[in-house]
Amino acid sequence: MHILRTGGKYAREQQRLSGVKAVVFALTGIILLILPISHIWFLSLIFFGYALHCLKKRSNWHKGILGEKMVVEALTP
């Protein structure tokens, strides 16, 4: 069987984007914790929560990339 394309370009870009979002939101959460403004700590928790969500999405994209590679390997003679 001839593989027309290997794929994964979109998935790799989404994985990278999710990683960047996680770092940005985590750093924003840290900055909000450092600021001397009272009652803003709950906002930093929201940013940390979204950073964790982005890390989970990054992990899911990584699993998808591995799955695509496994399918290509299984289909190649």
C-alpha atoms as a PDB file:
ATOM      1  CA  MET A   1       0.000   0.000   0.000  1.00  0.00           C
ATOM      2  CA  HIS A   2       1.303   3.442  -0.912  1.00  0.00           C
ATOM      3  CA  ILE A   3       0.911   6.136   1.770  1.00  0.00           C
ATOM      4  CA  LEU A   4      -0.035   9.423   0.108  1.00  0.00           C
ATOM      5  CA  ARG A   5       0.904  11.591   3.059  1.00  0.00           C
ATOM      6  CA  THR A   6       2.005  10.988   6.618  1.00  0.00           C
ATOM      7  CA  GLY A   7      -0.276  13.570   8.198  1.00  0.00           C
ATOM      8  CA  GLY A   8      -0.003  15.041  11.642  1.00  0.00           C
ATOM      9  CA  LYS A   9       0.881  18.601  10.589  1.00  0.00           C
ATOM     10  CA  TYR A  10      -2.366  20.054  11.953  1.00  0.00           C
ATOM     11  CA  ALA A  11      -2.156  17.944  15.102  1.00  0.00           C
ATOM     12  CA  ARG A  12       1.444  18.981  15.779  1.00  0.00           C
ATOM     13  CA  GLU A  13       0.504  22.649  15.366  1.00  0.00           C
ATOM     14  CA  GLN A  14      -2.441  22.254  17.756  1.00  0.00           C
ATOM     15  CA  GLN A  15      -0.201  20.467  20.265  1.00  0.00           C
ATOM     16  CA  ARG A  16       2.337  23.295  20.094  1.00  0.00           C
ATOM     17  CA  LEU A  17      -0.395  25.934  20.414  1.00  0.00           C
ATOM     18  CA  SER A  18      -1.870  24.212  23.471  1.00  0.00           C
ATOM     19  CA  GLY A  19       1.576  24.138  25.082  1.00  0.00           C
ATOM     20  CA  VAL A  20       2.116  27.834  24.439  1.00  0.00           C
ATOM     21  CA  LYS A  21      -1.315  28.674  25.857  1.00  0.00           C
ATOM     22  CA  ALA A  22      -0.562  26.634  28.984  1.00  0.00           C
ATOM     23  CA  VAL A  23       2.688  28.506  29.591  1.00  0.00           C
ATOM     24  CA  VAL A  24       1.116  31.921  28.991  1.00  0.00           C
ATOM     25  CA  PHE A  25      -1.818  31.287  31.317  1.00  0.00           C
ATOM     26  CA  ALA A  26       0.400  29.785  34.028  1.00  0.00           C
ATOM     27  CA  LEU A  27       2.736  32.791  33.913  1.00  0.00           C
ATOM     28  CA  THR A  28      -0.228  35.151  34.022  1.00  0.00           C
ATOM     29  CA  GLY A  29      -1.507  33.296  37.079  1.00  0.00           C
ATOM     30  CA  ILE A  30       1.872  33.650  38.774  1.00  0.00           C
ATOM     31  CA  ILE A  31       2.000  37.367  37.992  1.00  0.00           C
ATOM     32  CA  LEU A  32      -1.486  37.829  39.446  1.00  0.00           C
ATOM     33  CA  LEU A  33      -0.368  36.070  42.640  1.00  0.00           C
ATOM     34  CA  ILE A  34       2.633  38.373  42.969  1.00  0.00           C
ATOM     35  CA  LEU A  35       0.650  41.591  42.514  1.00  0.00           C
ATOM     36  CA  PRO A  36      -0.166  43.300  45.813  1.00  0.00           C
ATOM     37  CA  ILE A  37      -3.861  43.623  44.942  1.00  0.00           C
ATOM     38  CA  SER A  38      -6.183  41.982  47.438  1.00  0.00           C
ATOM     39  CA  HIS A  39      -8.923  39.586  46.329  1.00  0.00           C
ATOM     40  CA  ILE A  40      -7.318  38.890  42.953  1.00  0.00           C
ATOM     41  CA  TRP A  41      -5.978  35.466  43.956  1.00  0.00           C
ATOM     42  CA  PHE A  42      -9.186  33.787  42.752  1.00  0.00           C
ATOM     43  CA  LEU A  43      -8.495  35.124  39.250  1.00  0.00           C
ATOM     44  CA  SER A  44      -5.067  33.500  39.325  1.00  0.00           C
ATOM     45  CA  LEU A  45      -6.764  30.192  40.184  1.00  0.00           C
ATOM     46  CA  ILE A  46      -8.875  30.537  37.057  1.00  0.00           C
ATOM     47  CA  PHE A  47      -5.741  31.109  34.980  1.00  0.00           C
ATOM     48  CA  PHE A  48      -4.021  28.091  36.560  1.00  0.00           C
ATOM     49  CA  GLY A  49      -7.100  25.969  35.898  1.00  0.00           C
ATOM     50  CA  TYR A  50      -7.145  26.961  32.240  1.00  0.00           C
ATOM     51  CA  ALA A  51      -3.407  26.254  32.006  1.00  0.00           C
ATOM     52  CA  LEU A  52      -4.073  22.725  33.294  1.00  0.00           C
ATOM     53  CA  HIS A  53      -6.870  22.373  30.742  1.00  0.00           C
ATOM     54  CA  CYS A  54      -4.464  23.377  27.959  1.00  0.00           C
ATOM     55  CA  LEU A  55      -1.910  20.836  29.189  1.00  0.00           C
ATOM     56  CA  LYS A  56      -4.572  18.128  29.027  1.00  0.00           C
ATOM     57  CA  LYS A  57      -5.460  19.167  25.474  1.00  0.00           C
ATOM     58  CA  ARG A  58      -1.750  19.048  24.571  1.00  0.00           C
ATOM     59  CA  SER A  59      -1.566  15.522  25.936  1.00  0.00           C
ATOM     60  CA  ASN A  60      -4.624  14.513  23.913  1.00  0.00           C
ATOM     61  CA  TRP A  61      -3.111  15.937  20.714  1.00  0.00           C
ATOM     62  CA  HIS A  62       0.103  14.023  21.453  1.00  0.00           C
ATOM     63  CA  LYS A  63      -1.863  10.787  21.780  1.00  0.00           C
ATOM     64  CA  GLY A  64      -3.550  11.531  18.463  1.00  0.00           C
ATOM     65  CA  ILE A  65      -0.196  12.054  16.762  1.00  0.00           C
ATOM     66  CA  LEU A  66       1.052   8.741  18.136  1.00  0.00           C
ATOM     67  CA  GLY A  67      -2.137   7.047  16.944  1.00  0.00           C
ATOM     68  CA  GLU A  68      -1.657   8.421  13.430  1.00  0.00           C
ATOM     69  CA  LYS A  69       1.917   7.127  13.387  1.00  0.00           C
ATOM     70  CA  MET A  70       0.754   3.693  14.546  1.00  0.00           C
ATOM     71  CA  VAL A  71      -1.860   3.533  11.760  1.00  0.00           C
ATOM     72  CA  VAL A  72       0.734   4.479   9.125  1.00  0.00           C
ATOM     73  CA  GLU A  73       3.140   1.845  10.474  1.00  0.00           C
ATOM     74  CA  ALA A  74       0.381  -0.775  10.505  1.00  0.00           C
ATOM     75  CA  LEU A  75      -0.612  -0.025   6.914  1.00  0.00           C
ATOM     76  CA  THR A  76       2.871   0.028   5.417  1.00  0.00           C
ATOM     77  CA  PRO A  77       4.116  -3.364   4.214  1.00  0.00           C
END
